[in-house]
Protein backbone atom coordinates (compact mmCIF):
# COMPACT_ATOMS: atom_id res chain seq x y z
CA UNK A 1 -0.31 0.19 0.30
CA UNK A 2 1.32 3.59 -1.14
CA UNK A 3 1.85 5.95 1.29
CA UNK A 4 -0.47 8.25 0.73
CA UNK A 5 -3.15 5.82 1.29
CA UNK A 6 -1.84 4.37 4.31
CA UNK A 7 -2.18 8.28 5.66
CA UNK A 8 -5.78 7.97 4.91
CA UNK A 9 -6.61 4.62 6.17
CA UNK A 10 -4.94 5.71 9.53
CA UNK A 11 -7.13 8.91 9.11
CA UNK A 12 -9.93 7.47 8.98
CA UNK A 13 -9.44 4.65 11.58
CA UNK A 14 -8.82 7.47 14.23
CA UNK A 15 -12.05 9.51 12.91
CA UNK A 16 -13.89 6.63 13.88
CA UNK A 17 -12.11 6.33 17.32
CA UNK A 18 -12.47 9.61 18.23
CA UNK A 19 -15.83 11.42 16.29
CA UNK A 20 -17.89 8.45 16.28
CA UNK A 21 -19.23 5.96 18.62
CA UNK A 22 -21.32 2.72 16.72
CA UNK A 23 -24.14 1.50 17.66
CA UNK A 24 -25.79 -1.55 15.60
CA UNK A 25 -23.55 -3.69 13.12
CA UNK A 26 -19.64 -3.68 13.79
CA UNK A 27 -17.63 -1.66 11.63
CA UNK A 28 -14.26 -3.46 10.88
CA UNK A 29 -11.38 -0.88 9.41
CA UNK A 30 -9.37 -3.10 7.11
CA UNK A 31 -5.97 -0.93 7.57
CA UNK A 32 -4.12 -3.23 5.57
CA UNK A 33 -6.07 -3.33 2.55
CA UNK A 34 -4.28 -2.86 -0.95
CA UNK A 35 -6.13 -0.95 -3.06
CA UNK A 36 -3.87 -1.46 -5.85
CA UNK A 37 -4.05 -4.98 -5.95
CA UNK A 38 -8.17 -4.85 -5.83
CA UNK A 39 -7.39 -2.26 -9.34
CA UNK A 40 -4.65 -4.70 -10.71
CA UNK A 41 -6.36 -8.14 -9.89
CA UNK A 42 -9.79 -6.95 -11.66
CA UNK A 43 -10.79 -8.43 -14.62
CA UNK A 44 -9.69 -7.01 -17.86
CA UNK A 45 -12.93 -6.51 -19.57
CA UNK A 46 -13.31 -3.29 -21.71
CA UNK A 47 -15.73 -1.96 -24.26
CA UNK A 48 -14.04 -4.40 -27.33
CA UNK A 49 -15.05 -7.63 -25.09
CA UNK A 50 -18.47 -6.21 -24.28
CA UNK A 51 -19.25 -5.76 -27.95
CA UNK A 52 -18.36 -9.65 -28.59
CA UNK A 53 -20.35 -10.74 -25.93
CA UNK A 54 -23.30 -8.82 -27.30
CA UNK A 55 -24.46 -8.21 -23.63
CA UNK A 56 -24.56 -4.59 -21.46
CA UNK A 57 -24.62 -6.03 -17.93
CA UNK A 58 -25.88 -4.06 -15.50
CA UNK A 59 -26.28 -4.04 -11.76
CA UNK A 60 -29.06 -2.21 -10.42
CA UNK A 61 -31.08 -1.76 -7.63
CA UNK A 62 -34.53 -2.78 -6.72
CA UNK A 63 -36.21 0.59 -5.30
CA UNK A 64 -39.03 3.17 -6.19
CA UNK A 65 -36.90 5.46 -9.13
CA UNK A 66 -33.92 3.01 -9.97
CA UNK A 67 -35.49 -0.38 -11.15
CA UNK A 68 -39.11 -1.83 -10.04
CA UNK A 69 -42.41 -3.22 -11.54
CA UNK A 70 -45.43 -1.10 -11.72
CA UNK A 71 -49.03 -2.42 -13.41
CA UNK A 72 -46.98 -5.56 -15.52
CA UNK A 73 -44.38 -3.46 -16.85
CA UNK A 74 -40.76 -2.73 -16.00
CA UNK A 75 -40.07 0.63 -15.20
CA UNK A 76 -37.47 3.34 -13.80
CA UNK A 77 -34.97 5.74 -13.59
CA UNK A 78 -32.05 3.60 -14.40
CA UNK A 79 -33.69 1.12 -16.35
CA UNK A 80 -35.37 3.78 -19.13
CA UNK A 81 -31.89 4.98 -19.13
CA UNK A 82 -29.77 1.81 -19.62
CA UNK A 83 -32.50 0.80 -22.62
CA UNK A 84 -31.04 3.56 -24.28
CA UNK A 85 -27.56 2.87 -23.96
CA UNK A 86 -27.81 -0.73 -25.31
CA UNK A 87 -29.40 0.53 -28.45
CA UNK A 88 -26.84 3.01 -28.59
CA UNK A 89 -24.28 0.37 -28.48
CA UNK A 90 -26.22 -2.05 -29.88
CA UNK A 91 -25.90 -4.66 -27.12
CA UNK A 92 -28.53 -6.77 -25.70
CA UNK A 93 -29.01 -5.37 -22.17
CA UNK A 94 -28.81 -7.78 -19.07
CA UNK A 95 -30.22 -6.33 -15.75
CA UNK A 96 -28.88 -8.41 -12.68
CA UNK A 97 -30.00 -6.45 -9.05
CA UNK A 98 -27.97 -6.06 -6.55
CA UNK A 99 -28.73 -7.86 -3.20
CA UNK A 100 -25.80 -6.45 -1.34
CA UNK A 101 -24.62 -3.15 -1.43
CA UNK A 102 -21.81 -3.51 0.25
CA UNK A 103 -20.18 -5.75 -1.95
CA UNK A 104 -20.85 -3.95 -5.76
CA UNK A 105 -17.10 -2.77 -5.93
CA UNK A 106 -16.03 -6.63 -6.09
CA UNK A 107 -18.85 -7.67 -8.36
CA UNK A 108 -17.96 -5.46 -10.63
CA UNK A 109 -13.77 -5.97 -10.43
CA UNK A 110 -14.28 -9.99 -10.71
CA UNK A 111 -15.94 -8.57 -14.12
CA UNK A 112 -19.45 -11.21 -13.16
CA UNK A 113 -21.01 -7.04 -13.95
CA UNK A 114 -20.00 -4.46 -17.01
CA UNK A 115 -21.26 -1.35 -14.86
CA UNK A 116 -23.23 -0.39 -11.48
CA UNK A 117 -25.61 1.74 -12.74
CA UNK A 118 -27.58 3.10 -9.81
CA UNK A 119 -26.90 6.90 -8.43
CA UNK A 120 -24.03 6.79 -6.34
CA UNK A 121 -21.98 9.62 -5.28
CA UNK A 122 -18.32 10.57 -6.37
CA UNK A 123 -16.21 10.26 -3.94
CA UNK A 124 -12.03 10.78 -3.47
CA UNK A 125 -12.52 7.34 -1.37
CA UNK A 126 -14.21 5.52 -3.78
CA UNK A 127 -11.97 6.16 -6.53
CA UNK A 128 -9.25 4.04 -4.79
CA UNK A 129 -11.00 1.15 -6.30
CA UNK A 130 -13.29 2.66 -9.27
CA UNK A 131 -13.65 4.48 -11.61
CA UNK A 132 -16.76 7.04 -12.19
CA UNK A 133 -19.45 8.13 -15.40
CA UNK A 134 -19.99 11.51 -16.08
CA UNK A 135 -22.74 12.48 -13.58
CA UNK A 136 -26.00 12.01 -14.34
CA UNK A 137 -27.52 14.51 -12.21
CA UNK A 138 -26.49 17.24 -9.37
CA UNK A 139 -27.58 16.79 -6.04
CA UNK A 140 -27.46 17.19 -2.19
CA UNK A 141 -27.36 14.81 1.10
CA UNK A 142 -30.18 15.97 3.16
CA UNK A 143 -31.23 15.14 6.73
CA UNK A 144 -34.66 13.06 6.57
CA UNK A 145 -36.88 13.59 10.43
CA UNK A 146 -39.93 12.89 10.96
CA UNK A 147 -42.45 15.63 12.55
CA UNK A 148 -44.46 15.41 15.38
CA UNK A 149 -47.09 12.84 15.00
CA UNK A 150 -49.45 15.60 16.37
CA UNK A 151 -47.89 18.03 13.98
CA UNK A 152 -51.61 19.73 12.70
CA UNK A 153 -52.74 19.88 16.22
CA UNK A 154 -50.06 21.66 17.82
CA UNK A 155 -48.69 25.72 17.51
CA UNK A 156 -46.08 26.30 14.93
CA UNK A 157 -43.44 27.00 17.20
CA UNK A 158 -44.18 23.30 19.47
CA UNK A 159 -44.01 22.01 15.91
CA UNK A 160 -40.41 23.30 15.95
CA UNK A 161 -38.93 23.04 18.94
CA UNK A 162 -39.34 19.16 17.88
CA UNK A 163 -37.16 18.84 15.07
CA UNK A 164 -33.45 19.44 14.30
CA UNK A 165 -33.25 22.74 12.11
CA UNK A 166 -29.04 22.58 11.69
CA UNK A 167 -26.71 19.72 11.25
CA UNK A 168 -24.61 20.81 14.43
CA UNK A 169 -27.26 19.38 16.67
CA UNK A 170 -27.04 16.21 15.52
CA UNK A 171 -23.97 16.17 18.23
CA UNK A 172 -24.33 13.28 20.75
CA UNK A 173 -27.83 11.81 18.37
CA UNK A 174 -27.87 9.20 16.56
CA UNK A 175 -28.16 9.13 12.92
CA UNK A 176 -28.91 5.38 10.82
CA UNK A 177 -27.53 4.52 7.49
CA UNK A 178 -26.12 2.11 5.64
CA UNK A 179 -22.37 1.71 6.56
CA UNK A 180 -20.35 1.64 2.63
CA UNK A 181 -22.54 4.43 1.67
CA UNK A 182 -21.99 8.18 0.76
CA UNK A 183 -23.68 8.91 3.81
CA UNK A 184 -21.68 7.62 5.92
CA UNK A 185 -18.45 9.02 4.55
CA UNK A 186 -20.73 12.39 5.00
CA UNK A 187 -21.28 12.14 8.75
CA UNK A 188 -17.53 10.78 10.13
CA UNK A 189 -16.92 14.54 8.13
CA UNK A 190 -19.50 16.54 9.63
CA UNK A 191 -18.77 14.42 12.78
CA UNK A 192 -15.30 15.95 12.81
CA UNK A 193 -16.13 19.08 11.44
CA UNK A 194 -18.35 20.16 14.28
CA UNK A 195 -15.81 18.63 16.63
CA UNK A 196 -18.57 16.44 18.17
CA UNK A 197 -19.65 12.83 18.26
CA UNK A 198 -22.50 11.70 15.85
CA UNK A 199 -23.36 8.22 16.87
CA UNK A 200 -24.03 6.55 13.82
CA UNK A 201 -25.95 3.22 13.88
CA UNK A 202 -25.30 1.31 10.59
CA UNK A 203 -27.89 -0.64 8.56
CA UNK A 204 -28.44 -3.78 6.90
CA UNK A 205 -26.85 -2.79 3.26
CA UNK A 206 -29.97 -4.78 0.92
CA UNK A 207 -32.31 -1.99 2.89
CA UNK A 208 -32.46 0.86 0.22
CA UNK A 209 -32.33 4.45 0.36
CA UNK A 210 -36.59 4.47 -0.22
CA UNK A 211 -37.13 1.55 2.59
CA UNK A 212 -34.43 3.61 5.32
CA UNK A 213 -37.39 6.39 4.63
CA UNK A 214 -39.90 4.57 4.98
CA UNK A 215 -38.30 3.58 8.67
CA UNK A 216 -38.36 7.16 9.72
CA UNK A 217 -41.94 7.73 8.73
CA UNK A 218 -42.73 4.48 10.40
CA UNK A 219 -40.64 5.63 13.75
CA UNK A 220 -38.78 2.60 13.90
CA UNK A 221 -35.24 5.08 13.52
CA UNK A 222 -35.11 8.44 14.65
CA UNK A 223 -33.00 9.90 11.87
CA UNK A 224 -31.24 9.11 8.33
CA UNK A 225 -29.81 11.07 5.46
CA UNK A 226 -30.38 10.96 1.74
CA UNK A 227 -30.10 12.30 -1.84
CA UNK A 228 -32.61 15.48 -1.67
CA UNK A 229 -33.68 14.62 -4.66
CA UNK A 230 -34.72 10.97 -3.54
CA UNK A 231 -35.75 12.21 0.14
CA UNK A 232 -38.16 14.66 -1.76
CA UNK A 233 -40.35 11.97 -3.96
CA UNK A 234 -40.05 9.05 -1.12
CA UNK A 235 -41.64 12.21 1.21
CA UNK A 236 -43.70 13.34 -1.24
CA UNK A 237 -46.42 10.80 -0.03
CA UNK A 238 -45.47 10.90 3.61
CA UNK A 239 -46.08 14.64 4.90
CA UNK A 240 -45.01 13.18 8.32
CA UNK A 241 -41.64 13.51 7.31
CA UNK A 242 -39.10 16.68 6.89
CA UNK A 243 -36.20 16.97 4.49
CA UNK A 244 -35.22 20.42 5.14
CA UNK A 245 -31.68 20.49 6.92
CA UNK A 246 -29.14 19.64 4.30
CA UNK A 247 -26.08 17.71 5.31
CA UNK A 248 -23.40 18.44 2.43
CA UNK A 249 -23.28 20.55 -0.71
CA UNK A 250 -24.23 19.70 -4.43
CA UNK A 251 -22.63 16.27 -5.19
CA UNK A 252 -22.21 14.62 -8.74
CA UNK A 253 -24.55 11.05 -8.88
CA UNK A 254 -22.67 9.32 -11.57
CA UNK A 255 -22.76 5.11 -12.82
CA UNK A 256 -19.70 3.16 -11.96
CA UNK A 257 -17.03 1.35 -14.55
CA UNK A 258 -13.45 -0.79 -13.72
CA UNK A 259 -10.66 1.13 -13.60
CA UNK A 260 -8.79 -0.74 -16.65
CA UNK A 261 -12.43 -0.30 -18.58
CA UNK A 262 -11.02 2.66 -20.43
CA UNK A 263 -12.68 3.03 -23.31
CA UNK A 264 -16.00 1.75 -22.11
CA UNK A 265 -15.81 4.51 -19.90
CA UNK A 266 -15.22 7.02 -22.77
CA UNK A 267 -17.69 5.84 -24.79
CA UNK A 268 -20.53 6.05 -21.61
CA UNK A 269 -18.92 9.55 -20.87
CA UNK A 270 -19.55 11.14 -24.47
CA UNK A 271 -23.26 9.46 -24.23
CA UNK A 272 -24.17 10.99 -20.95
CA UNK A 273 -23.07 14.20 -22.08
CA UNK A 274 -25.13 14.01 -24.78
CA UNK A 275 -28.11 13.02 -23.00
CA UNK A 276 -28.05 15.63 -20.17
CA UNK A 277 -28.82 18.12 -22.79
CA UNK A 278 -32.29 16.20 -24.75
CA UNK A 279 -35.67 16.87 -23.70
CA UNK A 280 -36.07 13.23 -23.43
CA UNK A 281 -33.68 13.10 -20.72
CA UNK A 282 -35.27 15.23 -18.63
CA UNK A 283 -38.58 13.69 -19.05
CA UNK A 284 -37.12 10.54 -17.92
CA UNK A 285 -35.52 12.91 -14.82
CA UNK A 286 -38.53 14.47 -14.01
CA UNK A 287 -40.77 11.45 -14.19
CA UNK A 288 -38.92 9.49 -11.36
CA UNK A 289 -37.66 12.64 -9.09
CA UNK A 290 -40.63 15.28 -9.57
CA UNK A 291 -43.84 14.09 -10.75
CA UNK A 292 -45.34 13.91 -6.82
CA UNK A 293 -48.49 13.07 -8.38
CA UNK A 294 -47.27 9.68 -10.28
CA UNK A 295 -45.23 8.47 -7.43
CA UNK A 296 -48.24 8.55 -5.26
CA UNK A 297 -50.24 6.45 -7.53
CA UNK A 298 -47.80 4.04 -7.71
CA UNK A 299 -46.79 3.89 -4.40
CA UNK A 300 -50.70 3.45 -3.33
CA UNK A 301 -51.46 0.93 -6.14
CA UNK A 302 -51.84 -3.23 -5.51
CA UNK A 303 -49.78 -3.33 -8.43
CA UNK A 304 -46.66 -1.91 -7.48
CA UNK A 305 -43.73 -4.67 -6.95
CA UNK A 306 -42.29 -2.90 -4.07
CA UNK A 307 -45.76 -3.38 -1.80
CA UNK A 308 -47.28 -5.98 -3.08
CA UNK A 309 -46.45 -9.39 -5.00
CA UNK A 310 -48.63 -8.30 -8.09
CA UNK A 311 -48.88 -8.21 -11.82
CA UNK A 312 -52.35 -7.24 -12.31
CA UNK A 313 -55.76 -7.43 -11.59
CA UNK A 314 -55.99 -10.47 -13.50
CA UNK A 315 -53.48 -12.09 -11.18
CA UNK A 316 -55.66 -15.14 -9.92
CA UNK A 317 -57.30 -15.85 -13.39
CA UNK A 318 -53.94 -15.99 -14.73
CA UNK A 319 -52.73 -18.07 -12.49
CA UNK A 320 -55.81 -20.60 -12.58
CA UNK A 321 -55.89 -20.71 -16.45
CA UNK A 322 -51.76 -21.30 -16.74
CA UNK A 323 -52.02 -23.94 -14.31
CA UNK A 324 -54.09 -25.63 -16.96
CA UNK A 325 -51.75 -25.64 -19.26
CA UNK A 326 -48.80 -26.33 -17.17
CA UNK A 327 -47.15 -22.47 -17.77
CA UNK A 328 -45.83 -21.04 -15.12
CA UNK A 329 -48.49 -18.12 -14.71
CA UNK A 330 -45.54 -14.92 -15.07
CA UNK A 331 -44.89 -16.20 -18.84
CA UNK A 332 -48.74 -16.57 -19.39
CA UNK A 333 -48.96 -12.72 -17.59
CA UNK A 334 -46.25 -11.67 -20.28
CA UNK A 335 -48.16 -12.81 -23.21
CA UNK A 336 -51.53 -10.84 -21.59
CA UNK A 337 -49.01 -7.46 -21.23
CA UNK A 338 -47.66 -7.99 -24.45
CA UNK A 339 -51.06 -8.21 -26.15
CA UNK A 340 -53.41 -5.81 -24.37
CA UNK A 341 -51.27 -4.47 -21.38
CA UNK A 342 -54.23 -6.01 -19.94
CA UNK A 343 -56.85 -4.20 -21.20
CA UNK A 344 -59.80 -5.82 -21.29
CA UNK A 345 -61.29 -3.49 -24.10
CA UNK A 346 -58.25 -3.75 -25.96
CA UNK A 347 -58.83 -3.93 -30.20
CA UNK A 348 -56.78 -3.94 -32.86
CA UNK A 349 -56.99 -2.36 -36.50
CA UNK A 350 -56.95 -6.17 -37.38
CA UNK A 351 -60.26 -6.75 -35.46
CA UNK A 352 -58.26 -9.05 -32.38
CA UNK A 353 -60.32 -8.11 -29.48
CA UNK A 354 -60.04 -8.74 -25.57
CA UNK A 355 -57.05 -9.94 -22.84
CA UNK A 356 -55.18 -12.01 -25.42
CA UNK A 357 -56.19 -10.03 -28.52
CA UNK A 358 -58.50 -13.09 -29.99
CA UNK A 359 -59.72 -12.94 -33.43
CA UNK A 360 -63.48 -13.46 -34.02
CA UNK A 361 -63.32 -16.17 -35.73
CA UNK A 362 -60.74 -17.86 -33.18
CA UNK A 363 -62.97 -17.09 -30.61
CA UNK A 364 -65.96 -18.80 -32.09
CA UNK A 365 -63.82 -21.87 -32.19
CA UNK A 366 -62.75 -21.80 -28.50
CA UNK A 367 -66.64 -20.96 -27.66
CA UNK A 368 -65.88 -17.31 -26.59
CA UNK A 369 -69.32 -15.06 -26.50
CA UNK A 370 -67.57 -11.84 -24.81
CA UNK A 371 -64.02 -10.94 -25.77
CA UNK A 372 -64.34 -8.53 -23.64
CA UNK A 373 -64.90 -10.38 -20.92
CA UNK A 374 -61.46 -11.07 -18.73
CA UNK A 375 -62.63 -14.82 -17.76
CA UNK A 376 -63.08 -15.97 -21.13
CA UNK A 377 -60.42 -14.18 -22.95
CA UNK A 378 -57.79 -16.13 -20.58
CA UNK A 379 -59.69 -19.02 -20.85
CA UNK A 380 -60.00 -18.56 -24.40
CA UNK A 381 -55.84 -17.80 -25.25
CA UNK A 382 -54.84 -20.28 -22.70
CA UNK A 383 -56.61 -22.86 -24.89
CA UNK A 384 -55.87 -22.00 -28.20
CA UNK A 385 -51.50 -21.53 -26.95
CA UNK A 386 -52.29 -25.33 -26.01
CA UNK A 387 -53.90 -26.29 -29.14
CA UNK A 388 -50.82 -24.65 -30.53
CA UNK A 389 -48.32 -26.14 -28.40
CA UNK A 390 -49.77 -29.57 -29.87
CA UNK A 391 -48.64 -28.97 -33.34
CA UNK A 392 -44.67 -28.61 -32.28
CA UNK A 393 -44.87 -32.35 -30.49
CA UNK A 394 -41.65 -32.74 -32.37
CA UNK A 395 -39.95 -30.49 -30.52
CA UNK A 396 -38.49 -32.01 -27.48
CA UNK A 397 -36.98 -28.87 -25.65
CA UNK A 398 -39.95 -27.54 -23.70
CA UNK A 399 -38.31 -23.77 -23.84
CA UNK A 400 -38.15 -24.26 -28.09
CA UNK A 401 -41.04 -25.64 -27.97
CA UNK A 402 -42.55 -22.16 -25.89
CA UNK A 403 -40.95 -19.95 -28.67
CA UNK A 404 -42.53 -21.54 -31.64
CA UNK A 405 -46.41 -21.69 -29.76
CA UNK A 406 -45.42 -17.89 -28.87
CA UNK A 407 -44.06 -16.83 -32.65
CA UNK A 408 -47.53 -18.97 -33.82
CA UNK A 409 -49.85 -17.30 -31.79
CA UNK A 410 -48.59 -13.95 -32.89
CA UNK A 411 -48.17 -14.72 -36.73
CA UNK A 412 -49.95 -17.45 -37.20
CA UNK A 413 -49.09 -21.77 -37.14
CA UNK A 414 -48.61 -21.88 -40.78
CA UNK A 415 -45.84 -19.26 -41.48
CA UNK A 416 -44.02 -21.07 -38.29
CA UNK A 417 -44.20 -24.09 -40.11
CA UNK A 418 -42.53 -22.76 -43.46
CA UNK A 419 -39.79 -21.07 -41.47
CA UNK A 420 -39.37 -25.18 -40.11
CA UNK A 421 -39.54 -26.05 -43.64
CA UNK A 422 -36.93 -23.38 -44.71
CA UNK A 423 -34.49 -23.88 -41.86
CA UNK A 424 -34.74 -27.44 -42.61
CA UNK A 425 -33.47 -26.91 -46.44
CA UNK A 426 -31.00 -24.53 -45.40
CA UNK A 427 -29.06 -26.85 -42.96
CA UNK A 428 -30.61 -25.46 -39.65
CA UNK A 429 -32.75 -27.22 -36.59
CA UNK A 430 -35.62 -26.86 -37.78
CA UNK A 431 -36.69 -27.39 -34.07
CA UNK A 432 -34.72 -24.82 -32.34
CA UNK A 433 -35.91 -21.08 -32.56
CA UNK A 434 -32.76 -18.97 -31.43
CA UNK A 435 -30.85 -18.06 -34.45
CA UNK A 436 -32.47 -20.88 -36.66
CA UNK A 437 -36.35 -21.02 -37.11
CA UNK A 438 -36.39 -17.36 -36.10
CA UNK A 439 -33.74 -15.98 -38.93
CA UNK A 440 -35.78 -18.57 -41.40
CA UNK A 441 -38.96 -16.18 -39.97
CA UNK A 442 -37.02 -13.00 -40.84
CA UNK A 443 -35.50 -14.44 -44.29
CA UNK A 444 -39.38 -15.44 -45.38
CA UNK A 445 -40.26 -11.30 -45.89
CA UNK A 446 -38.10 -11.86 -48.54
CA UNK A 447 -39.27 -12.93 -52.59
CA UNK A 448 -36.56 -15.21 -53.18
CA UNK A 449 -37.63 -17.29 -49.78
CA UNK A 450 -41.57 -16.93 -49.92
CA UNK A 451 -41.64 -17.76 -53.76
CA UNK A 452 -40.05 -21.20 -53.35
CA UNK A 453 -42.76 -24.39 -54.07
CA UNK A 454 -42.49 -25.47 -51.00
CA UNK A 455 -43.61 -22.52 -48.88
CA UNK A 456 -47.63 -22.41 -48.52
CA UNK A 457 -48.27 -19.65 -46.22
CA UNK A 458 -45.93 -16.64 -48.48
CA UNK A 459 -45.06 -13.48 -46.91
CA UNK A 460 -44.67 -12.44 -43.56
CA UNK A 461 -43.36 -9.87 -41.86
CA UNK A 462 -40.96 -11.70 -39.68
CA UNK A 463 -39.73 -9.13 -37.36
CA UNK A 464 -43.13 -8.80 -35.60
CA UNK A 465 -43.07 -12.60 -34.28
CA UNK A 466 -39.07 -12.43 -33.25
CA UNK A 467 -39.32 -8.96 -31.74
CA UNK A 468 -43.11 -10.55 -29.80
CA UNK A 469 -41.28 -13.13 -28.86
CA UNK A 470 -38.01 -11.67 -27.35
CA UNK A 471 -40.29 -9.05 -25.06
CA UNK A 472 -42.06 -11.53 -23.98
CA UNK A 473 -39.22 -13.68 -22.98
CA UNK A 474 -37.38 -10.41 -21.23
CA UNK A 475 -40.74 -9.44 -19.82
CA UNK A 476 -40.38 -12.83 -18.44
CA UNK A 477 -37.35 -12.51 -16.70
CA UNK A 478 -38.46 -9.34 -15.51
CA UNK A 479 -41.67 -10.97 -13.73
CA UNK A 480 -39.56 -13.68 -12.43
CA UNK A 481 -37.14 -11.35 -10.38
CA UNK A 482 -39.92 -9.18 -9.19
CA UNK A 483 -42.74 -11.64 -8.74
CA UNK A 484 -42.33 -14.62 -6.22
CA UNK A 485 -44.19 -17.70 -6.96
CA UNK A 486 -46.29 -18.86 -3.81
């Protein structure tokens, strides 16, 4: 370890002993930790390797602003930006949810992910192990405290006496935060600045900032620290909270990459600089950090994954009918979302109707009398999927069989059967979807292919069923992440 880092480690240890008493989880200062070795031993993986794999792997947090499920749709500030970044880089996006905020740098440096994509405060201490991208936005840290329970019924002066109005008043009081957070670093510095002793209660690293803010509102802890934009949006539906006391000056919030990923970081930096000046970027930011009405609506909804284990109001019906055909109900739910976004009155330009967008002729054969009736639509759609599934009895792998079934549900069984024939003609496997039958479906949009004598159903816009299957399975993976089987 070089002399500078030895000095910093000793200084941190001194501050810990002299300026802070611990309550809750114990703190271990690793004064022999060699940050040079951490960086040297990190995986040597840069933009060229990521491009070669074709996948952008991003570590995110499951929170009310970063990444969550609402009414069957994955949402979040980071999620929306990451989708745009992946498209810009022509990469498939793979989201990995962090299950331990304390180990994220380790996960990044050993190559399990390519970036940490949730808002982190840029600090010199963190730069020992990782590098930061261009900042996404500026904010400051504030104290989150609870107003008196009866604050509406007491005088203004009595109300104000119950609150802290200056950070210096935290001397000899307790603040609860995660250990490996910028809030911890700031409290350590603040304790030193005021020449006092702020007691730090360290919390579980799996807790998100939003969850910790809720703990203040519920009276489980007295104070915490949060970025002001997070504090404002979380406090918007909980007026019992007070977030008026600043703890820091403005700070830069960014994503994180490995030190060795210089080319990757350069590309991201150029992209972020360009994005920050766009209307789309401001709309996305405001959607998650300033739109209080939308946040309140999500927070109160039964179909908000941070609060409930539900996807839609039709979950019970989906579970009943998916069980009849032996499917994971979350997969059938993903099909329904793709078809109608859970709108029972949805109508397409070709005449398909209801939750599962069934054509009137097909509905008649399935005994459906009212396509707008959720139960009839889901029952009929599930039955129809099962009928198509039975047409691929030669496909032994269930996953490929399901993908072929879904493609047929979208564009018609005949077109998929044609694609299988074309696959066989071109030396591909007619029983494998990825890079085989899906490729031939795409090729059936070309005259040289759909005009061949053995092709019975002619032209098909193959990009539609291919995208259809991809989107359903992408959403299914999200549903499996957010929604647990009971």
